Amino acid sequence: MDKHTSLEVQALSALSRSFKLHKVDLGDDAHLKKSGMAFDTEAWEIEGLGLMRMETAVIAPTQVDLPLFNADWVRAAGTETQIVEFYDTQLEPWPFASQARFHEILDRYGKLPNGESTATHWYDSILYSCSCRKKGKKLTEQFSAMAQDNIDAFVAQLAEAPACDADAKAEKVRTFAETLFSQGGPAVDQVTKLFGAETARRLVVGAMYGVKGA
């Protein structure tokens, strides 16, 4: 009988000679059985290979009447993408003077290459125009500065924002988070695939957006 070496052994053996590997905990999804079939799944993170890495920061106010702030920073194959978005989850309109601070930041980094998306999204109608999507190579320092400027400006407004009906505001955030989860997307879909819908909902709706009872 011919000797069989699995693809898993071949791939991990080859990768481990040049890279440091870290096994990802997939929980119950690592070993699944159904209809007499068994599915064993492993996932590995590989240091220094330039695989996609995504960082997300969410600030979802429910005690004061400010927009929902979402920042994503993706690194893949030497290219970086940073997305800074402000969503209208407010009870009253966001004053133009408050928006102007973020338009100033947008202008400051206006020379950075845009990462335009031609796709339409369910949230386009509630996305403020001071949001941005930038994409390019060797932009780490500029992206660090742009993210810090946006975060600092938003946190400064948190301290001065008017109080509001917390229950009504929380419901606005819940609606956004629930819709985001139901509509799906790269991050939501991947978490759902790995850990199942129930766990993914807790992570996305509950942990990321702070919705109680999710």
C-alpha atoms as a PDB file:
ATOM      1  CA  MET A   1       0.000   0.000   0.000  1.00  0.00           C
ATOM      2  CA  ASP A   2       1.325   3.432  -0.912  1.00  0.00           C
ATOM      3  CA  LYS A   3       2.318   5.591   2.033  1.00  0.00           C
ATOM      4  CA  HIS A   4      -0.099   8.456   2.653  1.00  0.00           C
ATOM      5  CA  THR A   5       0.957  11.784   4.127  1.00  0.00           C
ATOM      6  CA  SER A   6      -1.965  14.110   4.812  1.00  0.00           C
ATOM      7  CA  LEU A   7      -2.145  17.634   3.440  1.00  0.00           C
ATOM      8  CA  GLU A   8      -2.249  18.874   7.034  1.00  0.00           C
ATOM      9  CA  VAL A   9       1.089  17.281   7.846  1.00  0.00           C
ATOM     10  CA  GLN A  10       2.616  18.416   4.562  1.00  0.00           C
ATOM     11  CA  ALA A  11       1.487  22.032   4.931  1.00  0.00           C
ATOM     12  CA  LEU A  12       2.314  22.413   8.618  1.00  0.00           C
ATOM     13  CA  SER A  13       5.668  20.725   8.195  1.00  0.00           C
ATOM     14  CA  ALA A  14       6.640  23.036   5.357  1.00  0.00           C
ATOM     15  CA  LEU A  15       5.371  26.194   7.077  1.00  0.00           C
ATOM     16  CA  SER A  16       6.963  25.401  10.426  1.00  0.00           C
ATOM     17  CA  ARG A  17      10.416  25.321   8.833  1.00  0.00           C
ATOM     18  CA  SER A  18      10.182  29.041   8.053  1.00  0.00           C
ATOM     19  CA  PHE A  19       7.458  30.468  10.277  1.00  0.00           C
ATOM     20  CA  LYS A  20       6.195  30.375  13.835  1.00  0.00           C
ATOM     21  CA  LEU A  21       2.726  28.800  14.032  1.00  0.00           C
ATOM     22  CA  HIS A  22      -0.026  29.355  16.599  1.00  0.00           C
ATOM     23  CA  LYS A  23      -3.059  27.084  16.708  1.00  0.00           C
ATOM     24  CA  VAL A  24      -6.424  28.853  16.857  1.00  0.00           C
ATOM     25  CA  ASP A  25      -8.972  27.569  19.376  1.00  0.00           C
ATOM     26  CA  LEU A  26     -12.111  26.760  17.379  1.00  0.00           C
ATOM     27  CA  GLY A  27     -14.050  25.449  20.350  1.00  0.00           C
ATOM     28  CA  ASP A  28     -16.717  22.862  19.563  1.00  0.00           C
ATOM     29  CA  ASP A  29     -16.362  23.590  15.845  1.00  0.00           C
ATOM     30  CA  ALA A  30     -13.059  21.730  15.807  1.00  0.00           C
ATOM     31  CA  HIS A  31     -14.817  18.342  15.945  1.00  0.00           C
ATOM     32  CA  LEU A  32     -18.239  18.009  14.346  1.00  0.00           C
ATOM     33  CA  LYS A  33     -20.275  14.902  13.531  1.00  0.00           C
ATOM     34  CA  LYS A  34     -23.452  14.599  11.481  1.00  0.00           C
ATOM     35  CA  SER A  35     -25.145  11.897   9.426  1.00  0.00           C
ATOM     36  CA  GLY A  36     -22.380   9.426  10.197  1.00  0.00           C
ATOM     37  CA  MET A  37     -19.661  11.804   9.009  1.00  0.00           C
ATOM     38  CA  ALA A  38     -16.943  13.406  11.106  1.00  0.00           C
ATOM     39  CA  PHE A  39     -15.394  16.796  10.346  1.00  0.00           C
ATOM     40  CA  ASP A  40     -12.145  17.741  12.078  1.00  0.00           C
ATOM     41  CA  THR A  41     -11.036  21.338  11.521  1.00  0.00           C
ATOM     42  CA  GLU A  42      -7.856  23.154  12.471  1.00  0.00           C
ATOM     43  CA  ALA A  43      -6.866  26.789  11.945  1.00  0.00           C
ATOM     44  CA  TRP A  44      -3.406  28.279  12.400  1.00  0.00           C
ATOM     45  CA  GLU A  45      -2.024  31.791  12.633  1.00  0.00           C
ATOM     46  CA  ILE A  46       1.324  32.249  10.917  1.00  0.00           C
ATOM     47  CA  GLU A  47       3.719  34.952  12.104  1.00  0.00           C
ATOM     48  CA  GLY A  48       5.447  37.029   9.483  1.00  0.00           C
ATOM     49  CA  LEU A  49       3.598  35.663   6.454  1.00  0.00           C
ATOM     50  CA  GLY A  50       1.590  38.794   5.769  1.00  0.00           C
ATOM     51  CA  LEU A  51      -1.812  37.185   6.126  1.00  0.00           C
ATOM     52  CA  MET A  52      -4.819  39.392   6.732  1.00  0.00           C
ATOM     53  CA  ARG A  53      -5.063  41.024  10.128  1.00  0.00           C
ATOM     54  CA  MET A  54      -8.034  43.141  11.090  1.00  0.00           C
ATOM     55  CA  GLU A  55      -8.419  45.452  14.067  1.00  0.00           C
ATOM     56  CA  THR A  56     -11.731  47.054  14.949  1.00  0.00           C
ATOM     57  CA  ALA A  57     -12.592  49.767  17.464  1.00  0.00           C
ATOM     58  CA  VAL A  58     -16.241  50.508  18.237  1.00  0.00           C
ATOM     59  CA  ILE A  59     -17.581  53.298  20.453  1.00  0.00           C
ATOM     60  CA  ALA A  60     -21.362  53.062  20.723  1.00  0.00           C
ATOM     61  CA  PRO A  61     -22.702  55.747  23.103  1.00  0.00           C
ATOM     62  CA  THR A  62     -26.016  55.092  24.813  1.00  0.00           C
ATOM     63  CA  GLN A  63     -25.948  57.679  27.612  1.00  0.00           C
ATOM     64  CA  VAL A  64     -25.172  60.703  25.424  1.00  0.00           C
ATOM     65  CA  ASP A  65     -26.517  61.613  21.985  1.00  0.00           C
ATOM     66  CA  LEU A  66     -23.546  61.038  19.663  1.00  0.00           C
ATOM     67  CA  PRO A  67     -23.145  58.880  16.545  1.00  0.00           C
ATOM     68  CA  LEU A  68     -21.822  55.355  16.607  1.00  0.00           C
ATOM     69  CA  PHE A  69     -18.077  55.367  15.860  1.00  0.00           C
ATOM     70  CA  ASN A  70     -16.466  52.443  14.044  1.00  0.00           C
ATOM     71  CA  ALA A  71     -12.843  52.144  12.889  1.00  0.00           C
ATOM     72  CA  ASP A  72     -11.337  49.189  11.003  1.00  0.00           C
ATOM     73  CA  TRP A  73      -7.671  48.690  10.133  1.00  0.00           C
ATOM     74  CA  VAL A  74      -6.867  45.800   7.811  1.00  0.00           C
ATOM     75  CA  ARG A  75      -3.384  44.617   6.801  1.00  0.00           C
ATOM     76  CA  ALA A  76      -3.045  42.060   4.016  1.00  0.00           C
ATOM     77  CA  ALA A  77      -0.172  41.232   1.626  1.00  0.00           C
ATOM     78  CA  GLY A  78       1.626  44.492   2.311  1.00  0.00           C
ATOM     79  CA  THR A  79      -1.459  46.654   1.757  1.00  0.00           C
ATOM     80  CA  GLU A  80      -3.259  48.497   4.527  1.00  0.00           C
ATOM     81  CA  THR A  81      -6.856  49.697   4.583  1.00  0.00           C
ATOM     82  CA  GLN A  82      -8.273  51.993   7.228  1.00  0.00           C
ATOM     83  CA  ILE A  83     -11.978  52.739   7.439  1.00  0.00           C
ATOM     84  CA  VAL A  84     -13.328  55.355   9.852  1.00  0.00           C
ATOM     85  CA  GLU A  85     -17.105  55.597   9.952  1.00  0.00           C
ATOM     86  CA  PHE A  86     -19.707  57.596  11.856  1.00  0.00           C
ATOM     87  CA  TYR A  87     -23.272  56.236  11.841  1.00  0.00           C
ATOM     88  CA  ASP A  88     -26.405  58.200  12.655  1.00  0.00           C
ATOM     89  CA  THR A  89     -27.797  56.343  15.658  1.00  0.00           C
ATOM     90  CA  GLN A  90     -28.881  59.570  17.329  1.00  0.00           C
ATOM     91  CA  LEU A  91     -32.140  60.845  18.725  1.00  0.00           C
ATOM     92  CA  GLU A  92     -31.411  64.412  17.602  1.00  0.00           C
ATOM     93  CA  PRO A  93     -29.309  65.613  14.639  1.00  0.00           C
ATOM     94  CA  TRP A  94     -25.547  65.800  15.103  1.00  0.00           C
ATOM     95  CA  PRO A  95     -24.680  69.528  15.090  1.00  0.00           C
ATOM     96  CA  PHE A  96     -22.739  70.622  12.022  1.00  0.00           C
ATOM     97  CA  ALA A  97     -20.137  72.285  14.252  1.00  0.00           C
ATOM     98  CA  SER A  98     -19.437  68.892  15.792  1.00  0.00           C
ATOM     99  CA  GLN A  99     -19.191  67.219  12.400  1.00  0.00           C
ATOM    100  CA  ALA A 100     -16.833  69.943  11.188  1.00  0.00           C
ATOM    101  CA  ARG A 101     -14.059  68.723  13.475  1.00  0.00           C
ATOM    102  CA  PHE A 102     -13.989  65.403  11.638  1.00  0.00           C
ATOM    103  CA  HIS A 103     -14.163  67.065   8.230  1.00  0.00           C
ATOM    104  CA  GLU A 104     -11.003  68.923   9.249  1.00  0.00           C
ATOM    105  CA  ILE A 105      -9.313  65.609  10.018  1.00  0.00           C
ATOM    106  CA  LEU A 106     -10.555  64.212   6.717  1.00  0.00           C
ATOM    107  CA  ASP A 107      -9.017  67.187   4.887  1.00  0.00           C
ATOM    108  CA  ARG A 108      -5.752  66.801   6.803  1.00  0.00           C
ATOM    109  CA  TYR A 109      -5.293  63.295   5.435  1.00  0.00           C
ATOM    110  CA  GLY A 110      -6.886  64.038   2.085  1.00  0.00           C
ATOM    111  CA  LYS A 111      -3.714  63.205   0.153  1.00  0.00           C
ATOM    112  CA  LEU A 112      -3.735  59.606   1.356  1.00  0.00           C
ATOM    113  CA  PRO A 113      -5.048  57.290  -1.398  1.00  0.00           C
ATOM    114  CA  ASN A 114      -8.718  56.470  -1.171  1.00  0.00           C
ATOM    115  CA  GLY A 115      -9.929  52.896  -1.061  1.00  0.00           C
ATOM    116  CA  GLU A 116     -13.224  53.483  -2.789  1.00  0.00           C
ATOM    117  CA  SER A 117     -15.925  50.858  -2.756  1.00  0.00           C
ATOM    118  CA  THR A 118     -18.566  50.826  -5.479  1.00  0.00           C
ATOM    119  CA  ALA A 119     -20.785  48.434  -3.549  1.00  0.00           C
ATOM    120  CA  THR A 120     -23.967  49.658  -1.902  1.00  0.00           C
ATOM    121  CA  HIS A 121     -24.670  48.869   1.739  1.00  0.00           C
ATOM    122  CA  TRP A 122     -27.753  48.920   3.929  1.00  0.00           C
ATOM    123  CA  TYR A 123     -26.168  51.593   6.158  1.00  0.00           C
ATOM    124  CA  ASP A 124     -25.292  54.082   3.384  1.00  0.00           C
ATOM    125  CA  SER A 125     -28.240  56.316   4.296  1.00  0.00           C
ATOM    126  CA  ILE A 126     -27.036  56.742   7.899  1.00  0.00           C
ATOM    127  CA  LEU A 127     -23.313  57.109   7.165  1.00  0.00           C
ATOM    128  CA  TYR A 128     -21.980  60.614   7.814  1.00  0.00           C
ATOM    129  CA  SER A 129     -19.926  62.290   5.084  1.00  0.00           C
ATOM    130  CA  CYS A 130     -16.948  62.806   7.407  1.00  0.00           C
ATOM    131  CA  SER A 131     -16.351  59.044   7.211  1.00  0.00           C
ATOM    132  CA  CYS A 132     -13.453  57.799   5.087  1.00  0.00           C
ATOM    133  CA  ARG A 133     -11.828  54.757   3.520  1.00  0.00           C
ATOM    134  CA  LYS A 134      -8.089  54.893   2.785  1.00  0.00           C
ATOM    135  CA  LYS A 135      -5.915  52.198   1.215  1.00  0.00           C
ATOM    136  CA  GLY A 136      -2.275  51.821   0.204  1.00  0.00           C
ATOM    137  CA  LYS A 137       1.172  50.544   1.053  1.00  0.00           C
ATOM    138  CA  LYS A 138       3.618  51.824   3.675  1.00  0.00           C
ATOM    139  CA  LEU A 139       0.979  53.961   5.386  1.00  0.00           C
ATOM    140  CA  THR A 140       1.317  52.619   8.926  1.00  0.00           C
ATOM    141  CA  GLU A 141       2.503  55.888  10.490  1.00  0.00           C
ATOM    142  CA  GLN A 142      -0.082  57.990   8.688  1.00  0.00           C
ATOM    143  CA  PHE A 143      -2.851  55.555   9.547  1.00  0.00           C
ATOM    144  CA  SER A 144      -1.778  55.531  13.192  1.00  0.00           C
ATOM    145  CA  ALA A 145      -1.955  59.324  13.283  1.00  0.00           C
ATOM    146  CA  MET A 146      -5.304  59.475  11.449  1.00  0.00           C
ATOM    147  CA  ALA A 147      -6.891  56.914  13.768  1.00  0.00           C
ATOM    148  CA  GLN A 148      -5.576  58.709  16.847  1.00  0.00           C
ATOM    149  CA  ASP A 149      -6.863  62.081  15.654  1.00  0.00           C
ATOM    150  CA  ASN A 150     -10.358  60.688  15.038  1.00  0.00           C
ATOM    151  CA  ILE A 151     -10.478  58.795  18.323  1.00  0.00           C
ATOM    152  CA  ASP A 152      -9.212  61.773  20.341  1.00  0.00           C
ATOM    153  CA  ALA A 153     -11.737  64.113  18.732  1.00  0.00           C
ATOM    154  CA  PHE A 154     -14.612  61.712  19.323  1.00  0.00           C
ATOM    155  CA  VAL A 155     -13.668  61.093  22.953  1.00  0.00           C
ATOM    156  CA  ALA A 156     -13.448  64.858  23.499  1.00  0.00           C
ATOM    157  CA  GLN A 157     -17.019  65.190  22.239  1.00  0.00           C
ATOM    158  CA  LEU A 158     -18.183  62.402  24.537  1.00  0.00           C
ATOM    159  CA  ALA A 159     -17.279  64.557  27.519  1.00  0.00           C
ATOM    160  CA  GLU A 160     -19.348  67.480  26.225  1.00  0.00           C
ATOM    161  CA  ALA A 161     -22.265  65.718  24.528  1.00  0.00           C
ATOM    162  CA  PRO A 162     -25.786  66.240  25.875  1.00  0.00           C
ATOM    163  CA  ALA A 163     -27.416  63.519  27.935  1.00  0.00           C
ATOM    164  CA  CYS A 164     -30.335  61.728  26.332  1.00  0.00           C
ATOM    165  CA  ASP A 165     -33.021  59.108  26.883  1.00  0.00           C
ATOM    166  CA  ALA A 166     -30.714  56.149  27.513  1.00  0.00           C
ATOM    167  CA  ASP A 167     -33.317  53.491  26.710  1.00  0.00           C
ATOM    168  CA  ALA A 168     -34.268  55.084  23.395  1.00  0.00           C
ATOM    169  CA  LYS A 169     -30.628  55.590  22.450  1.00  0.00           C
ATOM    170  CA  ALA A 170     -29.735  52.022  23.377  1.00  0.00           C
ATOM    171  CA  GLU A 171     -32.548  50.824  21.127  1.00  0.00           C
ATOM    172  CA  LYS A 172     -31.005  52.762  18.219  1.00  0.00           C
ATOM    173  CA  VAL A 173     -27.685  51.014  18.815  1.00  0.00           C
ATOM    174  CA  ARG A 174     -29.413  47.648  19.139  1.00  0.00           C
ATOM    175  CA  THR A 175     -31.181  48.146  15.815  1.00  0.00           C
ATOM    176  CA  PHE A 176     -27.879  48.978  14.112  1.00  0.00           C
ATOM    177  CA  ALA A 177     -26.051  45.989  15.618  1.00  0.00           C
ATOM    178  CA  GLU A 178     -28.874  43.538  14.913  1.00  0.00           C
ATOM    179  CA  THR A 179     -29.144  44.726  11.309  1.00  0.00           C
ATOM    180  CA  LEU A 180     -25.385  44.495  10.835  1.00  0.00           C
ATOM    181  CA  PHE A 181     -25.442  40.941  12.127  1.00  0.00           C
ATOM    182  CA  SER A 182     -28.412  39.876  10.014  1.00  0.00           C
ATOM    183  CA  GLN A 183     -27.043  41.467   6.832  1.00  0.00           C
ATOM    184  CA  GLY A 184     -23.637  39.866   7.304  1.00  0.00           C
ATOM    185  CA  GLY A 185     -20.206  40.937   6.130  1.00  0.00           C
ATOM    186  CA  PRO A 186     -16.625  39.596   6.028  1.00  0.00           C
ATOM    187  CA  ALA A 187     -15.996  39.719   9.770  1.00  0.00           C
ATOM    188  CA  VAL A 188     -19.504  38.637  10.792  1.00  0.00           C
ATOM    189  CA  ASP A 189     -19.523  35.790   8.283  1.00  0.00           C
ATOM    190  CA  GLN A 190     -16.120  34.497   9.361  1.00  0.00           C
ATOM    191  CA  VAL A 191     -16.987  34.532  13.068  1.00  0.00           C
ATOM    192  CA  THR A 192     -20.303  32.808  12.316  1.00  0.00           C
ATOM    193  CA  LYS A 193     -18.559  30.176  10.208  1.00  0.00           C
ATOM    194  CA  LEU A 194     -16.013  29.415  12.902  1.00  0.00           C
ATOM    195  CA  PHE A 195     -18.130  29.566  16.051  1.00  0.00           C
ATOM    196  CA  GLY A 196     -21.765  29.325  14.980  1.00  0.00           C
ATOM    197  CA  ALA A 197     -24.541  31.918  14.886  1.00  0.00           C
ATOM    198  CA  GLU A 198     -25.250  31.975  18.628  1.00  0.00           C
ATOM    199  CA  THR A 199     -21.653  32.661  19.641  1.00  0.00           C
ATOM    200  CA  ALA A 200     -21.154  35.075  16.741  1.00  0.00           C
ATOM    201  CA  ARG A 201     -24.196  37.056  17.815  1.00  0.00           C
ATOM    202  CA  ARG A 202     -22.865  37.358  21.356  1.00  0.00           C
ATOM    203  CA  LEU A 203     -19.487  38.520  20.055  1.00  0.00           C
ATOM    204  CA  VAL A 204     -20.751  40.977  17.446  1.00  0.00           C
ATOM    205  CA  VAL A 205     -23.982  42.309  18.941  1.00  0.00           C
ATOM    206  CA  GLY A 206     -23.159  41.875  22.619  1.00  0.00           C
ATOM    207  CA  ALA A 207     -19.405  42.374  22.934  1.00  0.00           C
ATOM    208  CA  MET A 208     -18.619  44.727  20.035  1.00  0.00           C
ATOM    209  CA  TYR A 209     -21.691  46.948  20.277  1.00  0.00           C
ATOM    210  CA  GLY A 210     -22.510  46.507  23.947  1.00  0.00           C
ATOM    211  CA  VAL A 211     -26.103  45.401  23.470  1.00  0.00           C
ATOM    212  CA  LYS A 212     -27.325  43.929  26.727  1.00  0.00           C
ATOM    213  CA  GLY A 213     -28.937  40.517  26.585  1.00  0.00           C
ATOM    214  CA  ALA A 214     -27.452  39.666  23.188  1.00  0.00           C
END
